[in-house]
Amino acid sequence: MKLQHYYLLLKRNRILYWEQIRLKFVIVTLVYVMLLLQGRYQQQFYGIFYGVVQAPNDFVMPVQWFLMMLLPSIVVGDSFNQLVKIEYPLLNGVGLGMYVFSIFQIIAEMLFMFWLLWILIPGSNHYYWFSLILFLNVNLGTFIFSLISLFLPPAIVYFIAILLTMMTIADNNLPILSQFMLSRFDSNLMVNLINTVILILIVIILFSCIRLIEFTQIRK
């Protein structure tokens, strides 16, 4: 696909995507701003993204962290499923891989706006490496959530997202997902590289399964 054609595809999908998520995006952005302003008032980026280190027999629920991590998936919701299953069959001569990549780019643009809020509003963020890794992990995690939404009902996908988030809160040593918390973050480059590779592999595996969808049955 020529670059000009890709830009046209990107423009089309960007319009369709934002038509579906605009209201949710505004609401979630307001929630983020309130949480982050609260963190700024308390003069700590640390507290919002710190999460928790659970002590034996003493479960603590980090509500702010829980919301910060789960809200991007709520914004994306079923939009990826709609764009792939309903809008893709209407196009001719567009490869599935390029089409999905364009949607991932649009989702990443949205997450980048959230990330800017995360690092700018608190005002005193000295955890630059953690912020960068968090942005990368949240992108890959959201891509995985989006791909899973193609194969499972929305309620089950949301349940999986909430379950994994709660498991991360409950288990101090949960592989990969514990890196989403500042309190458990390992700044070792190799650890983060391995985690990123694993998440990318999950994305690739799920993407390869998209071809199992019978698009001709969806076109009406």
N, C-alpha and C. Protein backbone atom coordinates (compact mmCIF):
# COMPACT_ATOMS: atom_id res chain seq x y z
N MET A 1 0.83 -1.20 0.00
CA MET A 1 0.00 0.00 0.00
C MET A 1 0.87 1.25 0.00
N LYS A 2 0.55 2.19 -0.90
CA LYS A 2 1.30 3.43 -0.96
C LYS A 2 1.02 4.27 0.29
N LEU A 3 1.99 5.13 0.62
CA LEU A 3 1.88 5.95 1.82
C LEU A 3 0.63 6.83 1.76
N GLN A 4 0.35 7.38 0.57
CA GLN A 4 -0.82 8.23 0.43
C GLN A 4 -2.11 7.47 0.72
N HIS A 5 -2.17 6.22 0.25
CA HIS A 5 -3.35 5.40 0.50
C HIS A 5 -3.47 5.06 1.99
N TYR A 6 -2.32 4.85 2.63
CA TYR A 6 -2.36 4.54 4.07
C TYR A 6 -2.89 5.74 4.85
N TYR A 7 -2.48 6.94 4.48
CA TYR A 7 -2.97 8.14 5.16
C TYR A 7 -4.48 8.28 4.99
N LEU A 8 -4.99 7.95 3.81
CA LEU A 8 -6.43 8.00 3.58
C LEU A 8 -7.15 6.97 4.45
N LEU A 9 -6.56 5.77 4.56
CA LEU A 9 -7.12 4.73 5.42
C LEU A 9 -7.11 5.18 6.87
N LEU A 10 -6.00 5.77 7.28
CA LEU A 10 -5.85 6.25 8.65
C LEU A 10 -6.89 7.32 8.95
N LYS A 11 -7.09 8.23 8.00
CA LYS A 11 -8.08 9.30 8.18
C LYS A 11 -9.47 8.72 8.33
N ARG A 12 -9.80 7.75 7.47
CA ARG A 12 -11.12 7.11 7.52
C ARG A 12 -11.34 6.44 8.86
N ASN A 13 -10.38 5.62 9.28
CA ASN A 13 -10.53 4.87 10.52
C ASN A 13 -10.50 5.78 11.75
N ARG A 14 -9.75 6.87 11.66
CA ARG A 14 -9.71 7.81 12.78
C ARG A 14 -11.08 8.44 12.99
N ILE A 15 -11.76 8.79 11.90
CA ILE A 15 -13.11 9.37 12.01
C ILE A 15 -14.07 8.35 12.61
N LEU A 16 -14.03 7.12 12.10
CA LEU A 16 -14.93 6.08 12.60
C LEU A 16 -14.66 5.76 14.06
N TYR A 17 -13.38 5.70 14.43
CA TYR A 17 -13.01 5.37 15.80
C TYR A 17 -13.50 6.44 16.78
N TRP A 18 -13.24 7.70 16.44
CA TRP A 18 -13.60 8.78 17.36
C TRP A 18 -15.11 8.98 17.44
N GLU A 19 -15.83 8.61 16.39
CA GLU A 19 -17.29 8.65 16.47
C GLU A 19 -17.80 7.69 17.55
N GLN A 20 -17.09 6.59 17.73
CA GLN A 20 -17.53 5.58 18.68
C GLN A 20 -17.09 5.87 20.10
N ILE A 21 -15.93 6.48 20.29
CA ILE A 21 -15.38 6.60 21.65
C ILE A 21 -15.36 8.03 22.18
N ARG A 22 -15.86 8.99 21.42
CA ARG A 22 -15.72 10.40 21.80
C ARG A 22 -16.25 10.69 23.20
N LEU A 23 -17.47 10.25 23.49
CA LEU A 23 -18.07 10.54 24.78
C LEU A 23 -17.29 9.87 25.91
N LYS A 24 -16.93 8.60 25.70
CA LYS A 24 -16.17 7.88 26.73
C LYS A 24 -14.81 8.54 26.95
N PHE A 25 -14.20 9.00 25.87
CA PHE A 25 -12.90 9.66 25.97
C PHE A 25 -13.00 10.92 26.82
N VAL A 26 -14.03 11.72 26.60
CA VAL A 26 -14.20 12.96 27.37
C VAL A 26 -14.40 12.65 28.84
N ILE A 27 -15.26 11.68 29.14
CA ILE A 27 -15.54 11.32 30.54
C ILE A 27 -14.28 10.80 31.23
N VAL A 28 -13.57 9.88 30.55
CA VAL A 28 -12.36 9.31 31.14
C VAL A 28 -11.28 10.37 31.31
N THR A 29 -11.17 11.27 30.35
CA THR A 29 -10.18 12.35 30.47
C THR A 29 -10.47 13.20 31.70
N LEU A 30 -11.74 13.51 31.94
CA LEU A 30 -12.11 14.28 33.13
C LEU A 30 -11.77 13.53 34.41
N VAL A 31 -12.02 12.22 34.41
CA VAL A 31 -11.67 11.41 35.58
C VAL A 31 -10.16 11.43 35.81
N TYR A 32 -9.39 11.25 34.73
CA TYR A 32 -7.93 11.30 34.84
C TYR A 32 -7.47 12.65 35.40
N VAL A 33 -8.03 13.73 34.87
CA VAL A 33 -7.61 15.06 35.31
C VAL A 33 -7.89 15.23 36.81
N MET A 34 -9.06 14.77 37.27
CA MET A 34 -9.38 14.88 38.69
C MET A 34 -8.42 14.08 39.55
N LEU A 35 -8.12 12.84 39.13
CA LEU A 35 -7.20 12.00 39.89
C LEU A 35 -5.80 12.60 39.92
N LEU A 36 -5.37 13.11 38.77
CA LEU A 36 -4.02 13.66 38.67
C LEU A 36 -3.88 14.99 39.41
N LEU A 37 -4.94 15.79 39.38
CA LEU A 37 -4.91 17.04 40.13
C LEU A 37 -4.89 16.77 41.63
N GLN A 38 -5.58 15.71 42.02
CA GLN A 38 -5.53 15.31 43.42
C GLN A 38 -4.11 14.91 43.81
N GLY A 39 -3.44 14.17 42.88
CA GLY A 39 -2.06 13.79 43.12
C GLY A 39 -1.15 15.00 43.17
N ARG A 40 -1.42 15.98 42.31
CA ARG A 40 -0.61 17.20 42.32
C ARG A 40 -0.81 17.98 43.61
N TYR A 41 -2.07 18.03 44.06
CA TYR A 41 -2.36 18.72 45.32
C TYR A 41 -1.60 18.07 46.47
N GLN A 42 -1.50 16.74 46.39
CA GLN A 42 -0.76 16.00 47.41
C GLN A 42 0.74 16.01 47.14
N GLN A 43 1.12 16.66 45.99
CA GLN A 43 2.52 16.80 45.59
C GLN A 43 3.21 15.45 45.44
N GLN A 44 2.51 14.53 44.77
CA GLN A 44 3.13 13.23 44.52
C GLN A 44 2.57 12.52 43.30
N PHE A 45 3.38 12.44 42.28
CA PHE A 45 3.14 11.52 41.17
C PHE A 45 3.23 10.10 41.74
N TYR A 46 4.10 9.98 42.74
CA TYR A 46 4.41 8.72 43.39
C TYR A 46 3.16 7.98 43.84
N GLY A 47 2.24 8.71 44.50
CA GLY A 47 1.08 8.04 45.09
C GLY A 47 0.11 7.49 44.08
N ILE A 48 -0.06 8.18 42.95
CA ILE A 48 -1.06 7.77 41.96
C ILE A 48 -0.67 6.47 41.29
N PHE A 49 0.59 6.35 40.91
CA PHE A 49 1.07 5.18 40.18
C PHE A 49 1.82 4.18 41.06
N TYR A 50 1.91 4.49 42.33
CA TYR A 50 2.66 3.62 43.23
C TYR A 50 2.06 2.22 43.32
N GLY A 51 0.73 2.17 43.35
CA GLY A 51 0.09 0.86 43.51
C GLY A 51 0.14 0.43 44.96
N VAL A 52 0.60 -0.79 45.17
CA VAL A 52 0.65 -1.29 46.55
C VAL A 52 1.61 -2.48 46.62
N VAL A 53 2.21 -2.65 47.77
CA VAL A 53 2.94 -3.88 48.08
C VAL A 53 2.15 -4.53 49.20
N GLN A 54 1.51 -5.65 48.88
CA GLN A 54 0.63 -6.29 49.84
C GLN A 54 1.42 -6.95 50.97
N ALA A 55 0.94 -6.73 52.19
CA ALA A 55 1.51 -7.39 53.36
C ALA A 55 0.68 -8.64 53.65
N PRO A 56 1.27 -9.65 54.28
CA PRO A 56 0.53 -10.88 54.60
C PRO A 56 -0.72 -10.58 55.43
N ASN A 57 -1.85 -11.16 55.00
CA ASN A 57 -3.11 -11.04 55.72
C ASN A 57 -3.61 -9.60 55.83
N ASP A 58 -3.22 -8.76 54.88
CA ASP A 58 -3.65 -7.35 54.93
C ASP A 58 -3.78 -6.83 53.50
N PHE A 59 -4.94 -7.09 52.89
CA PHE A 59 -5.16 -6.68 51.50
C PHE A 59 -5.50 -5.20 51.44
N VAL A 60 -4.80 -4.47 50.57
CA VAL A 60 -5.04 -3.04 50.36
C VAL A 60 -5.44 -2.83 48.91
N MET A 61 -6.49 -2.05 48.69
CA MET A 61 -6.99 -1.79 47.34
C MET A 61 -6.54 -0.41 46.88
N PRO A 62 -5.60 -0.31 45.93
CA PRO A 62 -5.16 1.00 45.42
C PRO A 62 -6.14 1.50 44.35
N VAL A 63 -7.17 2.19 44.78
CA VAL A 63 -8.26 2.58 43.88
C VAL A 63 -7.76 3.46 42.74
N GLN A 64 -6.89 4.43 43.04
CA GLN A 64 -6.41 5.32 42.00
C GLN A 64 -5.66 4.55 40.91
N TRP A 65 -4.78 3.67 41.31
CA TRP A 65 -4.02 2.88 40.34
C TRP A 65 -4.97 1.99 39.53
N PHE A 66 -5.93 1.38 40.20
CA PHE A 66 -6.90 0.51 39.55
C PHE A 66 -7.62 1.26 38.44
N LEU A 67 -8.07 2.48 38.73
CA LEU A 67 -8.78 3.28 37.73
C LEU A 67 -7.85 3.71 36.60
N MET A 68 -6.64 4.14 36.95
CA MET A 68 -5.70 4.61 35.94
C MET A 68 -5.39 3.52 34.91
N MET A 69 -5.31 2.28 35.36
CA MET A 69 -4.95 1.18 34.47
C MET A 69 -6.13 0.65 33.66
N LEU A 70 -7.32 0.68 34.26
CA LEU A 70 -8.47 0.04 33.63
C LEU A 70 -9.20 0.95 32.65
N LEU A 71 -9.14 2.25 32.86
CA LEU A 71 -9.93 3.18 32.06
C LEU A 71 -9.60 3.17 30.56
N PRO A 72 -8.33 3.01 30.14
CA PRO A 72 -8.08 2.95 28.69
C PRO A 72 -8.85 1.84 27.99
N SER A 73 -8.96 0.69 28.63
CA SER A 73 -9.71 -0.42 28.03
C SER A 73 -11.19 -0.08 27.94
N ILE A 74 -11.69 0.65 28.93
CA ILE A 74 -13.10 1.05 28.90
C ILE A 74 -13.37 2.00 27.73
N VAL A 75 -12.42 2.90 27.47
CA VAL A 75 -12.58 3.83 26.36
C VAL A 75 -12.60 3.07 25.03
N VAL A 76 -11.65 2.18 24.84
CA VAL A 76 -11.59 1.41 23.59
C VAL A 76 -12.84 0.56 23.43
N GLY A 77 -13.22 -0.12 24.53
CA GLY A 77 -14.46 -0.88 24.52
C GLY A 77 -14.59 -1.83 23.35
N ASP A 78 -15.71 -1.73 22.64
CA ASP A 78 -16.01 -2.62 21.51
C ASP A 78 -15.66 -1.96 20.17
N SER A 79 -14.99 -0.80 20.21
CA SER A 79 -14.73 -0.06 18.97
C SER A 79 -13.84 -0.83 18.01
N PHE A 80 -12.82 -1.50 18.54
CA PHE A 80 -11.92 -2.27 17.67
C PHE A 80 -12.69 -3.39 16.99
N ASN A 81 -13.53 -4.06 17.75
CA ASN A 81 -14.35 -5.14 17.21
C ASN A 81 -15.25 -4.62 16.08
N GLN A 82 -15.85 -3.45 16.26
CA GLN A 82 -16.72 -2.87 15.25
C GLN A 82 -15.93 -2.47 14.00
N LEU A 83 -14.77 -1.88 14.20
CA LEU A 83 -13.97 -1.42 13.06
C LEU A 83 -13.46 -2.59 12.22
N VAL A 84 -13.15 -3.69 12.86
CA VAL A 84 -12.61 -4.84 12.12
C VAL A 84 -13.73 -5.67 11.50
N LYS A 85 -14.72 -6.02 12.29
CA LYS A 85 -15.74 -6.94 11.80
C LYS A 85 -16.76 -6.30 10.87
N ILE A 86 -17.04 -5.03 11.10
CA ILE A 86 -18.09 -4.37 10.31
C ILE A 86 -17.52 -3.47 9.22
N GLU A 87 -16.52 -2.68 9.58
CA GLU A 87 -16.01 -1.69 8.62
C GLU A 87 -14.98 -2.27 7.64
N TYR A 88 -14.17 -3.24 8.08
CA TYR A 88 -13.14 -3.77 7.19
C TYR A 88 -13.71 -4.46 5.95
N PRO A 89 -14.78 -5.27 6.07
CA PRO A 89 -15.31 -5.93 4.86
C PRO A 89 -15.84 -4.97 3.81
N LEU A 90 -16.06 -3.70 4.18
CA LEU A 90 -16.57 -2.73 3.23
C LEU A 90 -15.49 -2.18 2.31
N LEU A 91 -14.23 -2.48 2.65
CA LEU A 91 -13.11 -1.96 1.85
C LEU A 91 -12.64 -3.02 0.85
N ASN A 92 -12.08 -2.54 -0.25
CA ASN A 92 -11.50 -3.43 -1.25
C ASN A 92 -10.02 -3.11 -1.40
N GLY A 93 -9.21 -4.14 -1.54
CA GLY A 93 -7.80 -3.95 -1.82
C GLY A 93 -6.97 -3.48 -0.64
N VAL A 94 -7.48 -3.64 0.57
CA VAL A 94 -6.74 -3.24 1.78
C VAL A 94 -6.38 -4.49 2.55
N GLY A 95 -5.08 -4.68 2.80
CA GLY A 95 -4.64 -5.84 3.55
C GLY A 95 -5.09 -5.78 4.99
N LEU A 96 -5.44 -6.93 5.54
CA LEU A 96 -5.91 -6.98 6.92
C LEU A 96 -4.85 -6.49 7.90
N GLY A 97 -3.60 -6.86 7.65
CA GLY A 97 -2.53 -6.44 8.55
C GLY A 97 -2.37 -4.94 8.59
N MET A 98 -2.38 -4.30 7.43
CA MET A 98 -2.25 -2.85 7.36
C MET A 98 -3.47 -2.17 7.99
N TYR A 99 -4.62 -2.77 7.80
CA TYR A 99 -5.86 -2.20 8.36
C TYR A 99 -5.80 -2.20 9.89
N VAL A 100 -5.42 -3.34 10.46
CA VAL A 100 -5.33 -3.45 11.92
C VAL A 100 -4.24 -2.53 12.46
N PHE A 101 -3.12 -2.45 11.74
CA PHE A 101 -2.02 -1.56 12.17
C PHE A 101 -2.50 -0.11 12.24
N SER A 102 -3.34 0.30 11.29
CA SER A 102 -3.85 1.68 11.31
C SER A 102 -4.70 1.93 12.55
N ILE A 103 -5.48 0.93 12.96
CA ILE A 103 -6.30 1.09 14.17
C ILE A 103 -5.41 1.14 15.41
N PHE A 104 -4.38 0.28 15.43
CA PHE A 104 -3.45 0.32 16.55
C PHE A 104 -2.79 1.69 16.66
N GLN A 105 -2.46 2.28 15.53
CA GLN A 105 -1.85 3.61 15.54
C GLN A 105 -2.80 4.64 16.15
N ILE A 106 -4.07 4.55 15.80
CA ILE A 106 -5.07 5.48 16.32
C ILE A 106 -5.24 5.29 17.82
N ILE A 107 -5.28 4.04 18.27
CA ILE A 107 -5.39 3.77 19.70
C ILE A 107 -4.16 4.30 20.43
N ALA A 108 -2.97 4.11 19.84
CA ALA A 108 -1.73 4.60 20.45
C ALA A 108 -1.73 6.12 20.55
N GLU A 109 -2.32 6.79 19.57
CA GLU A 109 -2.44 8.25 19.62
C GLU A 109 -3.29 8.68 20.81
N MET A 110 -4.39 7.97 21.02
CA MET A 110 -5.25 8.28 22.16
C MET A 110 -4.52 8.04 23.47
N LEU A 111 -3.82 6.90 23.56
CA LEU A 111 -3.09 6.58 24.78
C LEU A 111 -1.96 7.57 25.03
N PHE A 112 -1.38 8.10 23.95
CA PHE A 112 -0.33 9.11 24.10
C PHE A 112 -0.89 10.37 24.75
N MET A 113 -2.13 10.73 24.39
CA MET A 113 -2.76 11.89 25.02
C MET A 113 -2.98 11.65 26.51
N PHE A 114 -3.40 10.43 26.85
CA PHE A 114 -3.55 10.09 28.26
C PHE A 114 -2.19 10.16 28.97
N TRP A 115 -1.17 9.62 28.31
CA TRP A 115 0.17 9.59 28.89
C TRP A 115 0.70 11.00 29.16
N LEU A 116 0.42 11.92 28.24
CA LEU A 116 0.82 13.31 28.45
C LEU A 116 0.16 13.88 29.71
N LEU A 117 -1.11 13.53 29.91
CA LEU A 117 -1.78 13.96 31.14
C LEU A 117 -1.07 13.37 32.36
N TRP A 118 -0.73 12.07 32.26
CA TRP A 118 -0.09 11.38 33.38
C TRP A 118 1.20 12.05 33.81
N ILE A 119 1.99 12.53 32.84
CA ILE A 119 3.31 13.05 33.18
C ILE A 119 3.35 14.56 33.37
N LEU A 120 2.35 15.28 32.79
CA LEU A 120 2.38 16.75 32.86
C LEU A 120 1.61 17.30 34.05
N ILE A 121 0.43 16.75 34.33
CA ILE A 121 -0.40 17.33 35.38
C ILE A 121 0.21 17.18 36.78
N PRO A 122 0.77 16.01 37.15
CA PRO A 122 1.34 15.91 38.50
C PRO A 122 2.43 16.95 38.76
N GLY A 123 3.16 17.36 37.73
CA GLY A 123 4.10 18.47 37.88
C GLY A 123 5.49 18.11 38.35
N SER A 124 5.65 17.00 39.06
CA SER A 124 6.98 16.66 39.58
C SER A 124 7.23 15.16 39.41
N ASN A 125 7.35 14.75 38.17
CA ASN A 125 7.58 13.35 37.86
C ASN A 125 9.06 13.10 37.60
N HIS A 126 9.71 12.40 38.52
CA HIS A 126 11.12 12.07 38.35
C HIS A 126 11.31 10.63 37.90
N TYR A 127 10.20 9.95 37.63
CA TYR A 127 10.27 8.54 37.29
C TYR A 127 10.11 8.37 35.78
N TYR A 128 11.06 8.92 35.05
CA TYR A 128 10.94 8.98 33.59
C TYR A 128 11.01 7.59 32.95
N TRP A 129 11.90 6.74 33.42
CA TRP A 129 12.04 5.40 32.87
C TRP A 129 10.76 4.60 33.11
N PHE A 130 10.24 4.67 34.32
CA PHE A 130 8.98 3.99 34.64
C PHE A 130 7.86 4.52 33.76
N SER A 131 7.78 5.84 33.57
CA SER A 131 6.72 6.45 32.76
C SER A 131 6.76 5.94 31.33
N LEU A 132 7.97 5.83 30.78
CA LEU A 132 8.13 5.36 29.41
C LEU A 132 7.72 3.90 29.27
N ILE A 133 8.19 3.06 30.20
CA ILE A 133 7.84 1.63 30.17
C ILE A 133 6.35 1.45 30.39
N LEU A 134 5.77 2.25 31.28
CA LEU A 134 4.33 2.16 31.53
C LEU A 134 3.55 2.48 30.27
N PHE A 135 3.95 3.52 29.55
CA PHE A 135 3.28 3.87 28.30
C PHE A 135 3.35 2.73 27.30
N LEU A 136 4.52 2.12 27.17
CA LEU A 136 4.69 1.00 26.24
C LEU A 136 3.83 -0.18 26.67
N ASN A 137 3.84 -0.51 27.96
CA ASN A 137 3.07 -1.65 28.46
C ASN A 137 1.57 -1.44 28.31
N VAL A 138 1.12 -0.22 28.60
CA VAL A 138 -0.32 0.07 28.48
C VAL A 138 -0.76 -0.03 27.02
N ASN A 139 0.09 0.42 26.09
CA ASN A 139 -0.23 0.27 24.67
C ASN A 139 -0.38 -1.20 24.30
N LEU A 140 0.60 -2.01 24.65
CA LEU A 140 0.56 -3.42 24.29
C LEU A 140 -0.60 -4.13 24.99
N GLY A 141 -0.84 -3.78 26.25
CA GLY A 141 -1.96 -4.36 26.98
C GLY A 141 -3.30 -4.01 26.34
N THR A 142 -3.44 -2.78 25.89
CA THR A 142 -4.68 -2.35 25.23
C THR A 142 -4.84 -3.02 23.87
N PHE A 143 -3.73 -3.22 23.15
CA PHE A 143 -3.80 -3.96 21.88
C PHE A 143 -4.30 -5.38 22.13
N ILE A 144 -3.78 -6.01 23.16
CA ILE A 144 -4.19 -7.38 23.49
C ILE A 144 -5.68 -7.41 23.84
N PHE A 145 -6.11 -6.46 24.67
CA PHE A 145 -7.53 -6.35 25.03
C PHE A 145 -8.39 -6.20 23.77
N SER A 146 -7.94 -5.35 22.85
CA SER A 146 -8.70 -5.10 21.63
C SER A 146 -8.81 -6.35 20.77
N LEU A 147 -7.71 -7.08 20.64
CA LEU A 147 -7.72 -8.30 19.83
C LEU A 147 -8.61 -9.38 20.44
N ILE A 148 -8.56 -9.51 21.76
CA ILE A 148 -9.41 -10.49 22.44
C ILE A 148 -10.89 -10.18 22.22
N SER A 149 -11.21 -8.87 22.11
CA SER A 149 -12.61 -8.47 21.94
C SER A 149 -13.20 -8.97 20.63
N LEU A 150 -12.35 -9.41 19.69
CA LEU A 150 -12.85 -9.96 18.43
C LEU A 150 -13.44 -11.35 18.60
N PHE A 151 -13.06 -12.03 19.67
CA PHE A 151 -13.42 -13.44 19.80
C PHE A 151 -14.35 -13.72 20.98
N LEU A 152 -14.47 -12.76 21.90
CA LEU A 152 -15.28 -12.97 23.10
C LEU A 152 -16.28 -11.84 23.26
N PRO A 153 -17.41 -12.10 23.92
CA PRO A 153 -18.39 -11.04 24.18
C PRO A 153 -17.76 -9.94 25.06
N PRO A 154 -18.21 -8.69 24.90
CA PRO A 154 -17.63 -7.58 25.66
C PRO A 154 -17.63 -7.80 27.17
N ALA A 155 -18.70 -8.38 27.71
CA ALA A 155 -18.78 -8.58 29.16
C ALA A 155 -17.66 -9.48 29.65
N ILE A 156 -17.35 -10.53 28.88
CA ILE A 156 -16.29 -11.46 29.27
C ILE A 156 -14.93 -10.78 29.15
N VAL A 157 -14.74 -9.98 28.11
CA VAL A 157 -13.46 -9.27 27.92
C VAL A 157 -13.22 -8.30 29.06
N TYR A 158 -14.26 -7.57 29.45
CA TYR A 158 -14.12 -6.64 30.59
C TYR A 158 -13.82 -7.41 31.87
N PHE A 159 -14.49 -8.56 32.02
CA PHE A 159 -14.25 -9.38 33.21
C PHE A 159 -12.79 -9.83 33.27
N ILE A 160 -12.25 -10.24 32.12
CA ILE A 160 -10.84 -10.65 32.08
C ILE A 160 -9.93 -9.49 32.45
N ALA A 161 -10.22 -8.29 31.92
CA ALA A 161 -9.40 -7.12 32.23
C ALA A 161 -9.43 -6.80 33.71
N ILE A 162 -10.63 -6.83 34.29
CA ILE A 162 -10.76 -6.55 35.73
C ILE A 162 -10.07 -7.63 36.55
N LEU A 163 -10.25 -8.90 36.15
CA LEU A 163 -9.63 -10.01 36.87
C LEU A 163 -8.11 -9.88 36.87
N LEU A 164 -7.52 -9.59 35.71
CA LEU A 164 -6.06 -9.44 35.64
C LEU A 164 -5.58 -8.25 36.46
N THR A 165 -6.36 -7.18 36.46
CA THR A 165 -5.99 -6.01 37.27
C THR A 165 -6.03 -6.35 38.75
N MET A 166 -7.06 -7.07 39.18
CA MET A 166 -7.17 -7.46 40.59
C MET A 166 -6.08 -8.46 40.97
N MET A 167 -5.75 -9.38 40.06
CA MET A 167 -4.66 -10.32 40.32
C MET A 167 -3.34 -9.58 40.49
N THR A 168 -3.14 -8.53 39.68
CA THR A 168 -1.92 -7.73 39.79
C THR A 168 -1.85 -7.05 41.15
N ILE A 169 -2.99 -6.55 41.61
CA ILE A 169 -3.03 -5.90 42.93
C ILE A 169 -2.75 -6.90 44.03
N ALA A 170 -3.30 -8.10 43.91
CA ALA A 170 -3.21 -9.08 45.00
C ALA A 170 -1.85 -9.77 45.07
N ASP A 171 -1.19 -9.95 43.93
CA ASP A 171 0.07 -10.71 43.88
C ASP A 171 1.24 -9.76 43.67
N ASN A 172 2.12 -9.68 44.66
CA ASN A 172 3.26 -8.77 44.57
C ASN A 172 4.25 -9.16 43.47
N ASN A 173 4.23 -10.41 43.07
CA ASN A 173 5.24 -10.89 42.12
C ASN A 173 4.63 -11.43 40.83
N LEU A 174 3.49 -10.91 40.44
CA LEU A 174 2.86 -11.39 39.22
C LEU A 174 3.73 -11.00 38.02
N PRO A 175 4.16 -11.98 37.23
CA PRO A 175 5.06 -11.66 36.10
C PRO A 175 4.44 -10.65 35.13
N ILE A 176 5.25 -9.80 34.61
CA ILE A 176 4.91 -8.78 33.60
C ILE A 176 4.00 -7.69 34.17
N LEU A 177 2.83 -8.08 34.69
CA LEU A 177 1.85 -7.09 35.11
C LEU A 177 2.31 -6.28 36.32
N SER A 178 3.16 -6.85 37.16
CA SER A 178 3.66 -6.10 38.30
C SER A 178 4.50 -4.89 37.87
N GLN A 179 4.98 -4.92 36.63
CA GLN A 179 5.76 -3.80 36.10
C GLN A 179 4.90 -2.56 35.86
N PHE A 180 3.59 -2.74 35.93
CA PHE A 180 2.68 -1.60 35.76
C PHE A 180 2.61 -0.77 37.04
N MET A 181 3.16 -1.27 38.14
CA MET A 181 3.13 -0.56 39.41
C MET A 181 4.51 -0.02 39.75
N LEU A 182 4.55 1.23 40.15
CA LEU A 182 5.81 1.85 40.53
C LEU A 182 6.42 1.17 41.74
N SER A 183 5.58 0.72 42.66
CA SER A 183 6.07 0.09 43.89
C SER A 183 6.79 -1.22 43.63
N ARG A 184 6.49 -1.86 42.49
CA ARG A 184 7.10 -3.16 42.18
C ARG A 184 7.97 -3.10 40.93
N PHE A 185 8.13 -1.91 40.39
CA PHE A 185 8.82 -1.74 39.12
C PHE A 185 10.30 -2.11 39.23
N ASP A 186 10.74 -2.95 38.30
CA ASP A 186 12.14 -3.33 38.18
C ASP A 186 12.72 -2.57 36.99
N SER A 187 13.66 -1.69 37.25
CA SER A 187 14.21 -0.84 36.20
C SER A 187 15.26 -1.54 35.33
N ASN A 188 15.52 -2.81 35.63
CA ASN A 188 16.51 -3.57 34.86
C ASN A 188 16.10 -3.64 33.40
N LEU A 189 17.01 -3.24 32.50
CA LEU A 189 16.70 -3.17 31.08
C LEU A 189 16.32 -4.54 30.52
N MET A 190 17.02 -5.60 30.93
CA MET A 190 16.74 -6.93 30.41
C MET A 190 15.36 -7.41 30.82
N VAL A 191 14.98 -7.13 32.06
CA VAL A 191 13.66 -7.53 32.54
C VAL A 191 12.57 -6.88 31.69
N ASN A 192 12.72 -5.59 31.44
CA ASN A 192 11.72 -4.86 30.66
C ASN A 192 11.72 -5.30 29.20
N LEU A 193 12.90 -5.64 28.68
CA LEU A 193 12.99 -6.12 27.30
C LEU A 193 12.26 -7.45 27.15
N ILE A 194 12.48 -8.35 28.09
CA ILE A 194 11.82 -9.66 28.05
C ILE A 194 10.31 -9.50 28.16
N ASN A 195 9.87 -8.66 29.09
CA ASN A 195 8.43 -8.42 29.26
C ASN A 195 7.81 -7.87 27.97
N THR A 196 8.51 -6.92 27.35
CA THR A 196 8.00 -6.31 26.11
C THR A 196 7.91 -7.35 25.00
N VAL A 197 8.94 -8.18 24.87
CA VAL A 197 8.94 -9.22 23.85
C VAL A 197 7.77 -10.18 24.05
N ILE A 198 7.51 -10.56 25.30
CA ILE A 198 6.40 -11.47 25.59
C ILE A 198 5.06 -10.85 25.21
N LEU A 199 4.87 -9.57 25.56
CA LEU A 199 3.63 -8.89 25.22
C LEU A 199 3.47 -8.77 23.70
N ILE A 200 4.56 -8.46 23.01
CA ILE A 200 4.50 -8.37 21.54
C ILE A 200 4.16 -9.72 20.93
N LEU A 201 4.73 -10.79 21.47
CA LEU A 201 4.41 -12.13 20.96
C LEU A 201 2.93 -12.46 21.15
N ILE A 202 2.37 -12.05 22.29
CA ILE A 202 0.94 -12.28 22.52
C ILE A 202 0.11 -11.53 21.49
N VAL A 203 0.50 -10.28 21.20
CA VAL A 203 -0.18 -9.49 20.18
C VAL A 203 -0.11 -10.20 18.83
N ILE A 204 1.08 -10.69 18.47
CA ILE A 204 1.26 -11.36 17.18
C ILE A 204 0.42 -12.63 17.08
N ILE A 205 0.39 -13.41 18.15
CA ILE A 205 -0.39 -14.65 18.17
C ILE A 205 -1.88 -14.35 18.00
N LEU A 206 -2.36 -13.37 18.77
CA LEU A 206 -3.78 -13.02 18.67
C LEU A 206 -4.10 -12.45 17.29
N PHE A 207 -3.18 -11.65 16.76
CA PHE A 207 -3.41 -11.09 15.43
C PHE A 207 -3.51 -12.19 14.38
N SER A 208 -2.67 -13.20 14.50
CA SER A 208 -2.70 -14.29 13.53
C SER A 208 -4.03 -15.03 13.55
N CYS A 209 -4.73 -14.95 14.69
CA CYS A 209 -6.02 -15.62 14.82
C CYS A 209 -7.15 -14.85 14.14
N ILE A 210 -6.91 -13.56 13.82
CA ILE A 210 -7.96 -12.76 13.18
C ILE A 210 -8.38 -13.37 11.86
N ARG A 211 -7.44 -14.00 11.19
CA ARG A 211 -7.73 -14.58 9.88
C ARG A 211 -8.73 -15.73 9.96
N LEU A 212 -9.01 -16.19 11.17
CA LEU A 212 -10.01 -17.24 11.34
C LEU A 212 -11.43 -16.69 11.26
N ILE A 213 -11.54 -15.36 11.34
CA ILE A 213 -12.87 -14.73 11.27
C ILE A 213 -13.42 -14.85 9.86
N GLU A 214 -14.66 -15.25 9.72
CA GLU A 214 -15.30 -15.33 8.43
C GLU A 214 -15.96 -13.98 8.11
N PHE A 215 -15.18 -13.11 7.49
CA PHE A 215 -15.69 -11.77 7.21
C PHE A 215 -16.87 -11.79 6.25
N THR A 216 -16.92 -12.76 5.37
CA THR A 216 -18.02 -12.82 4.39
C THR A 216 -19.35 -13.05 5.09
N GLN A 217 -19.32 -13.64 6.27
CA GLN A 217 -20.55 -13.87 7.02
C GLN A 217 -21.00 -12.61 7.74
N ILE A 218 -20.07 -11.67 7.89
CA ILE A 218 -20.40 -10.43 8.61
C ILE A 218 -20.97 -9.40 7.64
N ARG A 219 -20.49 -9.43 6.39
CA ARG A 219 -20.98 -8.47 5.40
C ARG A 219 -22.45 -8.73 5.08
N LYS A 220 -23.24 -7.67 5.15
CA LYS A 220 -24.68 -7.84 4.88
C LYS A 220 -25.14 -6.75 3.92
